[in-house]
Protein backbone atom coordinates (compact mmCIF):
# COMPACT_ATOMS: atom_id res chain seq x y z
CA MET A 1 0.00 0.00 0.00
CA GLY A 2 2.89 2.35 0.72
CA ILE A 3 4.32 2.13 -2.82
CA PHE A 4 0.83 2.52 -4.29
CA LEU A 5 0.19 5.68 -2.24
CA LEU A 6 3.55 7.13 -3.27
CA VAL A 7 2.87 6.52 -6.98
CA PHE A 8 -0.69 7.83 -6.63
CA SER A 9 0.60 10.98 -4.94
CA VAL A 10 3.23 11.63 -7.62
CA VAL A 11 0.79 11.13 -10.47
CA GLY A 12 -1.79 13.29 -8.68
CA ALA A 13 0.78 16.08 -8.33
CA MET A 14 1.53 15.82 -12.05
CA ILE A 15 -2.16 16.05 -12.94
CA LEU A 16 -2.62 19.04 -10.66
CA ALA A 17 0.41 20.72 -12.25
CA ILE A 18 -1.09 20.16 -15.70
CA HIS A 19 -4.36 21.77 -14.64
CA VAL A 20 -2.55 24.68 -13.02
CA ALA A 21 -0.72 25.21 -16.33
CA LEU A 22 -4.01 25.04 -18.24
CA SER A 23 -5.53 27.53 -15.80
CA ALA A 24 -2.59 29.86 -16.41
CA GLY A 25 -3.24 29.45 -20.14
CA ILE A 26 -6.87 30.50 -19.67
CA VAL A 27 -5.83 33.57 -17.70
CA ALA A 28 -3.32 34.38 -20.45
CA ASN A 29 -6.12 34.14 -23.04
CA MET A 30 -8.28 36.52 -21.04
CA ALA A 31 -5.44 39.02 -20.65
CA ALA A 32 -4.42 38.81 -24.31
CA GLU A 33 -7.96 39.36 -25.56
CA LYS A 34 -8.43 42.32 -23.25
CA SER A 35 -5.17 43.97 -24.35
CA ALA A 36 -5.92 43.35 -28.04
CA ARG A 37 -9.16 45.33 -27.99
CA GLY A 38 -8.87 48.63 -29.77
CA GLN A 39 -5.80 47.59 -31.76
CA GLY A 40 -7.71 47.26 -35.01
CA ARG A 41 -9.75 44.73 -36.89
CA LEU A 42 -9.10 42.46 -39.84
CA LEU A 43 -7.05 44.16 -42.54
CA PRO A 44 -9.06 45.47 -45.53
CA GLY A 45 -9.17 43.20 -48.57
CA ILE A 46 -9.36 39.93 -46.61
CA ARG A 47 -12.59 38.08 -47.33
CA ALA A 48 -14.48 36.13 -44.67
CA GLU A 49 -16.81 33.25 -45.52
CA VAL A 50 -19.15 31.30 -43.23
CA ILE A 51 -19.37 27.57 -44.01
CA VAL A 52 -22.34 25.53 -42.77
CA ALA A 53 -22.74 21.85 -43.67
CA VAL A 54 -26.17 20.48 -42.71
CA ARG A 55 -28.28 17.38 -43.16
CA ASP A 56 -31.98 17.17 -42.26
CA GLU A 57 -31.93 20.18 -39.93
CA ALA A 58 -34.99 22.06 -41.15
CA ALA A 59 -36.35 22.24 -37.60
CA THR A 60 -33.42 24.26 -36.21
CA LEU A 61 -31.95 25.91 -39.31
CA PRO A 62 -34.21 29.02 -39.45
CA LEU A 63 -32.79 30.40 -36.18
CA LEU A 64 -29.22 30.03 -37.46
CA LEU A 65 -30.01 31.66 -40.80
CA ASP A 66 -31.72 34.60 -39.08
CA SER A 67 -28.64 35.11 -36.91
CA LEU A 68 -26.35 34.98 -39.96
CA ARG A 69 -28.45 37.64 -41.70
CA ALA A 70 -28.02 39.86 -38.65
CA GLN A 71 -24.21 39.95 -38.74
CA THR A 72 -22.82 43.44 -38.17
CA ARG A 73 -20.09 42.78 -40.72
CA GLY A 74 -21.79 43.38 -44.03
CA ASP A 75 -19.20 41.84 -46.35
CA VAL A 76 -19.24 38.28 -44.99
CA LEU A 77 -19.87 35.56 -47.58
CA PHE A 78 -21.95 32.42 -46.90
CA LEU A 79 -21.43 28.93 -48.32
CA CYS A 80 -23.90 26.22 -47.25
CA VAL A 81 -23.80 22.52 -48.08
CA ASP A 82 -27.09 20.59 -48.10
CA ASP A 83 -25.78 17.08 -47.54
CA ARG A 84 -28.44 14.70 -48.92
CA SER A 85 -31.26 16.14 -46.81
CA ALA A 86 -34.67 14.50 -47.02
CA ASP A 87 -36.61 17.30 -45.29
CA GLY A 88 -36.98 21.01 -46.09
CA THR A 89 -33.34 21.90 -45.42
CA GLY A 90 -32.49 22.52 -49.07
CA ALA A 91 -35.47 24.83 -49.62
CA LEU A 92 -34.58 26.88 -46.54
CA LEU A 93 -31.02 27.34 -47.81
CA ASP A 94 -32.25 28.35 -51.27
CA GLU A 95 -34.55 30.92 -49.70
CA PHE A 96 -31.65 32.23 -47.60
CA CYS A 97 -29.63 32.80 -50.78
CA VAL A 98 -32.48 34.78 -52.30
CA THR A 99 -32.74 37.08 -49.28
CA VAL A 100 -28.99 37.59 -48.87
CA GLY A 101 -28.16 37.92 -52.56
CA ASP A 102 -24.91 37.04 -54.27
CA ARG A 103 -23.07 36.85 -50.93
CA ALA A 104 -24.60 33.39 -50.34
CA ARG A 105 -24.33 30.10 -52.25
CA VAL A 106 -25.72 26.59 -51.69
CA ILE A 107 -24.20 23.29 -52.73
CA HIS A 108 -26.78 20.50 -52.96
CA ASN A 109 -24.76 17.33 -52.45
CA ALA A 110 -26.41 14.08 -53.55
CA HIS A 111 -23.41 11.75 -53.33
CA ASP A 112 -22.09 9.63 -50.46
CA ASN A 113 -18.29 9.78 -50.30
CA ALA A 114 -16.79 6.44 -49.29
CA GLY A 115 -13.94 6.54 -46.80
CA LEU A 116 -15.09 9.69 -44.98
CA THR A 117 -17.99 10.64 -42.75
CA GLY A 118 -20.77 12.61 -44.40
CA LYS A 119 -19.70 15.76 -42.56
CA GLN A 120 -16.08 15.40 -43.69
CA ALA A 121 -17.09 14.93 -47.33
CA ALA A 122 -19.50 17.88 -47.19
CA LEU A 123 -16.81 20.14 -45.72
CA ASP A 124 -14.28 19.04 -48.33
CA LEU A 125 -16.82 19.97 -50.99
CA ALA A 126 -17.13 23.41 -49.40
CA PHE A 127 -13.34 23.78 -49.18
CA SER A 128 -13.03 23.16 -52.92
CA ARG A 129 -15.46 25.99 -53.73
CA ALA A 130 -14.79 28.50 -50.96
CA ARG A 131 -13.90 32.06 -51.95
CA GLY A 132 -13.01 33.43 -48.53
CA ASP A 133 -9.55 34.01 -47.10
CA VAL A 134 -10.82 33.12 -43.60
CA LEU A 135 -13.46 30.39 -43.17
CA LEU A 136 -15.85 30.54 -40.19
CA PHE A 137 -17.65 27.34 -39.13
CA THR A 138 -20.87 26.71 -37.24
CA ASP A 139 -23.68 24.13 -37.30
CA GLY A 140 -27.35 24.03 -38.22
CA ASP A 141 -28.53 23.78 -34.61
CA CYS A 142 -26.63 26.89 -33.47
CA VAL A 143 -27.32 30.60 -33.13
CA VAL A 144 -24.54 33.17 -33.51
CA PRO A 145 -24.53 36.70 -32.06
CA PRO A 146 -24.57 39.68 -34.48
CA THR A 147 -20.93 40.44 -33.65
CA TRP A 148 -19.75 36.84 -34.18
CA ALA A 149 -17.89 37.27 -37.48
CA ASP A 150 -16.33 40.57 -36.39
CA GLU A 151 -15.14 39.12 -33.10
CA LEU A 152 -13.50 35.99 -34.50
CA LEU A 153 -11.96 37.84 -37.44
CA SER A 154 -10.29 40.38 -35.17
CA HIS A 155 -7.89 37.66 -33.99
CA PHE A 156 -6.51 37.18 -37.51
CA SER A 157 -4.77 40.56 -37.53
CA ASP A 158 -1.70 38.52 -36.58
CA PRO A 159 -0.59 36.85 -39.86
CA ARG A 160 0.79 33.85 -37.94
CA VAL A 161 -2.66 32.89 -36.60
CA GLY A 162 -4.30 30.10 -38.60
CA VAL A 163 -7.13 29.03 -36.26
CA VAL A 164 -9.40 30.80 -33.76
CA LEU A 165 -11.59 28.86 -31.32
CA GLY A 166 -14.71 30.44 -29.81
CA ARG A 167 -16.93 29.80 -26.80
CA ILE A 168 -19.94 27.47 -26.83
CA GLU A 169 -22.88 28.23 -24.54
CA LEU A 170 -26.07 26.24 -23.97
CA PRO A 171 -29.29 27.86 -22.75
CA GLU A 172 -30.70 26.44 -19.55
CA ALA A 173 -34.00 24.59 -19.61
CA ARG A 174 -36.03 22.70 -17.04
CA GLY A 175 -34.64 19.38 -15.85
CA PHE A 176 -31.28 18.06 -14.75
CA LEU A 177 -29.93 17.00 -18.16
CA PRO A 178 -30.21 20.39 -19.93
CA ARG A 179 -28.99 22.27 -16.85
CA PHE A 180 -26.00 20.01 -16.45
CA GLN A 181 -25.11 20.42 -20.13
CA ALA A 182 -25.22 24.20 -19.70
CA PHE A 183 -22.60 23.78 -16.96
CA GLU A 184 -20.54 21.09 -18.66
CA GLN A 185 -20.06 22.49 -22.18
CA PRO A 186 -18.11 25.58 -21.04
CA LEU A 187 -15.99 23.29 -18.82
CA LEU A 188 -15.07 21.12 -21.81
CA ASN A 189 -14.20 24.29 -23.68
CA GLN A 190 -11.82 25.20 -20.87
CA TYR A 191 -9.49 22.33 -21.76
CA ASN A 192 -9.36 23.60 -25.33
CA PHE A 193 -8.77 27.21 -24.28
CA GLY A 194 -6.21 26.30 -21.62
CA SER A 195 -4.14 24.22 -24.03
CA VAL A 196 -4.26 27.07 -26.56
CA GLY A 197 -3.04 29.47 -23.88
CA ILE A 198 0.08 27.38 -23.21
CA GLY A 199 0.78 26.86 -26.91
CA ALA A 200 -0.23 23.18 -27.12
CA PRO A 201 -3.80 23.02 -28.54
CA THR A 202 -5.38 19.58 -28.13
CA GLY A 203 -9.03 19.91 -29.16
CA CYS A 204 -11.87 22.10 -30.35
CA PHE A 205 -15.57 22.27 -31.19
CA GLY A 206 -16.29 22.85 -34.85
CA ASN A 207 -19.51 24.78 -34.30
CA ASN A 208 -17.50 27.86 -33.35
CA MET A 209 -14.13 28.11 -35.04
CA ALA A 210 -12.42 29.97 -37.86
CA ILE A 211 -9.51 28.85 -40.06
CA ARG A 212 -7.46 30.51 -42.77
CA ALA A 213 -8.35 29.02 -46.14
CA ARG A 214 -4.65 28.87 -46.98
CA ALA A 215 -4.04 26.60 -43.97
CA VAL A 216 -6.78 24.19 -45.10
CA LYS A 217 -5.37 24.13 -48.62
CA GLU A 218 -1.88 23.33 -47.34
CA ILE A 219 -3.03 20.17 -45.54
CA GLY A 220 -5.19 18.96 -48.45
CA GLY A 221 -8.54 18.77 -46.64
CA PHE A 222 -10.06 15.59 -45.24
CA HIS A 223 -9.32 13.48 -48.30
CA ALA A 224 -5.65 13.85 -47.42
CA LEU A 225 -6.19 13.41 -43.66
CA GLY A 226 -8.55 10.42 -43.69
CA TYR A 227 -11.51 9.27 -41.63
CA SER A 228 -12.34 10.67 -38.20
CA VAL A 229 -15.54 10.89 -36.15
CA THR A 230 -14.30 14.24 -34.78
CA GLU A 231 -13.40 16.06 -37.97
CA ASP A 232 -12.99 19.44 -36.28
CA ALA A 233 -10.27 18.22 -33.89
CA MET A 234 -8.51 16.42 -36.77
CA LEU A 235 -8.48 19.65 -38.79
CA LEU A 236 -7.07 21.61 -35.85
CA ASP A 237 -4.31 19.05 -35.25
CA ALA A 238 -3.28 19.07 -38.91
CA VAL A 239 -3.23 22.86 -39.22
CA CYS A 240 -1.16 23.22 -36.05
CA ARG A 241 1.17 20.22 -36.18
CA LYS A 242 1.69 19.94 -39.94
CA GLY A 243 1.15 23.53 -41.01
CA GLY A 244 2.79 25.22 -38.03
CA TRP A 245 0.03 27.82 -37.66
CA LYS A 246 -0.76 29.44 -34.32
CA VAL A 247 -4.11 29.14 -32.52
CA ARG A 248 -5.99 31.79 -30.56
CA ALA A 249 -9.01 31.59 -28.24
CA CYS A 250 -11.93 34.00 -28.41
CA ILE A 251 -13.49 34.12 -24.94
CA SER A 252 -15.69 37.18 -25.43
CA ASP A 253 -19.45 36.71 -25.28
CA ARG A 254 -19.54 38.79 -28.48
CA GLY A 255 -18.16 35.72 -30.24
CA ALA A 256 -19.94 33.00 -28.22
CA VAL A 257 -22.18 30.60 -30.15
CA GLY A 258 -25.34 29.19 -28.61
CA THR A 259 -26.31 25.60 -29.35
CA ARG A 260 -29.01 23.15 -28.31
CA ALA A 261 -28.69 20.64 -25.51
CA GLN A 262 -29.28 16.94 -26.13
CA VAL A 263 -32.87 16.13 -25.19
CA SER A 264 -32.35 12.46 -24.30
CA TRP A 265 -29.78 10.52 -22.31
CA LYS A 266 -29.14 8.25 -25.29
CA GLY A 267 -28.34 11.18 -27.55
CA TYR A 268 -26.17 12.72 -24.84
CA ILE A 269 -24.21 9.48 -24.27
CA ASP A 270 -23.74 8.94 -28.01
CA GLN A 271 -22.49 12.51 -28.45
CA HIS A 272 -19.91 12.22 -25.68
CA THR A 273 -18.80 8.75 -26.76
CA ARG A 274 -18.00 10.24 -30.16
CA TRP A 275 -16.10 13.16 -28.65
CA ASN A 276 -14.04 10.97 -26.34
CA ALA A 277 -13.36 8.42 -29.07
CA GLY A 278 -12.00 11.21 -31.22
CA ALA A 279 -9.48 12.12 -28.51
CA LEU A 280 -8.61 8.56 -27.44
CA PHE A 281 -7.88 7.49 -31.02
CA SER A 282 -6.67 10.82 -32.37
CA PRO A 283 -4.03 10.59 -35.12
CA ASP A 284 -2.15 13.32 -33.25
CA LEU A 285 0.17 11.64 -30.73
CA PHE A 286 0.23 14.56 -28.27
CA THR A 287 -3.56 14.76 -28.13
CA ARG A 288 -3.93 11.00 -27.74
CA VAL A 289 -1.30 10.57 -25.03
CA SER A 290 -2.41 13.59 -22.97
CA PHE A 291 -6.06 12.49 -23.04
CA ILE A 292 -5.22 8.90 -22.10
CA PHE A 293 -2.99 10.02 -19.24
CA VAL A 294 -5.25 12.73 -17.78
CA VAL A 295 -8.70 11.22 -18.33
CA LEU A 296 -8.47 7.49 -18.91
CA PHE A 297 -5.56 6.73 -16.61
CA TYR A 298 -5.95 9.25 -13.82
CA LEU A 299 -9.61 10.38 -13.64
CA VAL A 300 -11.00 6.90 -14.15
CA GLY A 301 -8.27 5.39 -11.96
CA SER A 302 -9.02 7.79 -9.10
CA LEU A 303 -12.60 6.52 -8.97
CA VAL A 304 -11.74 2.85 -9.46
CA VAL A 305 -9.45 2.82 -6.39
CA LEU A 306 -12.01 4.47 -4.10
CA PRO A 307 -13.00 1.13 -2.47
CA LEU A 308 -9.42 0.92 -1.16
CA GLY A 309 -10.43 3.71 1.20
CA PHE A 310 -11.68 1.02 3.56
CA LEU A 311 -8.04 -0.04 3.93
CA ASP A 312 -6.44 3.41 4.08
CA TRP A 313 -8.17 6.78 4.54
CA ARG A 314 -5.54 8.50 2.38
CA VAL A 315 -6.85 6.86 -0.82
CA PRO A 316 -10.13 8.85 -1.04
CA VAL A 317 -8.29 12.00 0.03
CA LEU A 318 -5.85 11.59 -2.85
CA SER A 319 -8.73 10.80 -5.21
CA LEU A 320 -10.23 14.19 -4.44
CA ASN A 321 -7.27 15.72 -6.26
CA SER A 322 -8.92 14.86 -9.58
CA PHE A 323 -11.96 16.98 -8.66
CA LEU A 324 -9.71 19.77 -7.41
CA SER A 325 -7.86 19.75 -10.73
CA ILE A 326 -11.05 19.88 -12.78
CA GLY A 327 -12.48 22.48 -10.41
CA LEU A 328 -9.66 24.91 -11.23
CA LEU A 329 -10.76 25.09 -14.85
CA ALA A 330 -14.46 25.00 -14.04
CA GLY A 331 -14.11 27.84 -11.54
CA LEU A 332 -12.43 30.12 -14.09
CA GLY A 333 -15.23 29.41 -16.56
CA GLY A 334 -17.67 31.27 -14.34
CA LEU A 335 -15.63 34.47 -14.72
CA TYR A 336 -16.15 34.83 -18.46
CA PRO A 337 -18.03 37.86 -19.82
CA GLY A 338 -21.77 37.32 -20.02
CA LYS A 339 -21.95 34.51 -17.44
CA ASP A 340 -24.64 34.45 -14.75
CA ARG A 341 -22.12 33.90 -11.97
CA ALA A 342 -24.59 33.44 -9.12
CA ARG A 343 -26.44 30.67 -10.96
CA TYR A 344 -23.20 29.09 -12.17
CA TYR A 345 -21.50 28.82 -8.79
CA LEU A 346 -24.68 27.79 -6.96
CA ARG A 347 -24.62 24.43 -8.77
CA PHE A 348 -20.87 24.20 -9.01
CA PHE A 349 -19.99 21.40 -6.58
CA PRO A 350 -22.79 18.87 -7.28
CA TYR A 351 -22.36 19.27 -11.04
CA LEU A 352 -18.58 19.00 -10.74
CA PHE A 353 -18.80 15.67 -8.92
CA PHE A 354 -21.36 14.30 -11.37
CA PHE A 355 -19.07 15.36 -14.22
CA GLY A 356 -16.19 13.32 -12.81
CA PHE A 357 -18.19 10.10 -12.55
CA PHE A 358 -20.08 10.52 -15.82
CA TYR A 359 -16.99 11.40 -17.83
CA SER A 360 -15.21 8.35 -16.45
CA TYR A 361 -18.06 6.15 -17.66
CA ILE A 362 -18.07 7.76 -21.12
CA THR A 363 -14.28 7.46 -21.46
CA VAL A 364 -14.36 3.74 -20.67
CA ARG A 365 -17.26 3.32 -23.10
CA ALA A 366 -15.24 4.95 -25.88
CA PHE A 367 -12.08 3.02 -24.95
CA ILE A 368 -13.79 -0.36 -25.33
CA ARG A 369 -15.13 0.88 -28.70
CA ARG A 370 -18.83 0.86 -27.95
CA PRO A 371 -20.87 1.88 -31.04
CA PHE A 372 -22.74 5.18 -31.08
CA GLU A 373 -25.23 6.90 -33.36
CA TRP A 374 -24.36 10.10 -35.19
CA LYS A 375 -26.35 11.84 -37.93
CA GLY A 376 -28.58 8.78 -38.27
CA THR A 377 -25.64 6.39 -38.75
CA THR A 378 -24.28 3.86 -36.27
CA LEU A 379 -20.49 4.19 -35.95
CA ARG A 380 -17.77 2.51 -33.89
CA PRO A 381 -14.62 4.23 -32.61
């Protein structure tokens, strides 16, 4: 037991140090964004284009399209891909083009591309026809603020920046599941932002990100990268590791995208199994190793050894370090602009503990390659 406690303590100290570093990265992001305000916007002559790839999302698409029409930046282009939709998605996109004019185009894709997911193939199709110098991405179930394009584009004034990641926020609704997701999504974003802040980006969410078109062209799109159930993270890894571009985080609420919570536990579990599978089996070695060490090995391990607390009281005390580490990032998330801090911190501790146990379950589920459903298709990690 003595050797076990010593190893557990050393590993716990390493995990805490990693989270302290990530927390420092988040603080650095906040400071950098604050100091950059007022230093100018995107240089004239650089074109921005929003890319949206959708399939059977007629129920949620109108809210997104309305928010895109309301962008304060009047020169943004729009390129939408209707990926084999069987509902009214295509008609809604055609109508959007009529109201926006020649700034908007729609690609009606009727072909299934073997070897890639539908989303990857649809995005590659958009990449081949994009006219923008900077490409902004969001999804059909999202809503963007009027200042979204302006806010993300402001970070590209540095010519070395190839990718900008933005915040994701979920509206609260009645019931535990939607309220927990409203707490959890910003916490997951914290790992992305923290790693960006220390210069080692490891993940992202593709419903709020922007990439230089030149960077995408350099890596050859998804046909060159191959299959992945988390295409956004794969694209980020390739642009950073292969292309050498820098990444920035946009933490302002002026650039925060709102999305919908999963309405069922099955959908929620499938979604998170996909996300964790993408990290566990990432083609990027740094992303894969760091996720396995921090989440699979330590977080899951801290909970598995809890029964040993009957033999030695120090075991559960050391296990609490995993919640302390996660709590550092979660606590900083409540300080972001636009957050309802009273509501956020009121639920902080119970949601934090549920997160630890639930995320352990999901990570194991992804590790043993349990199948999950995505976009109407059953996939396996």
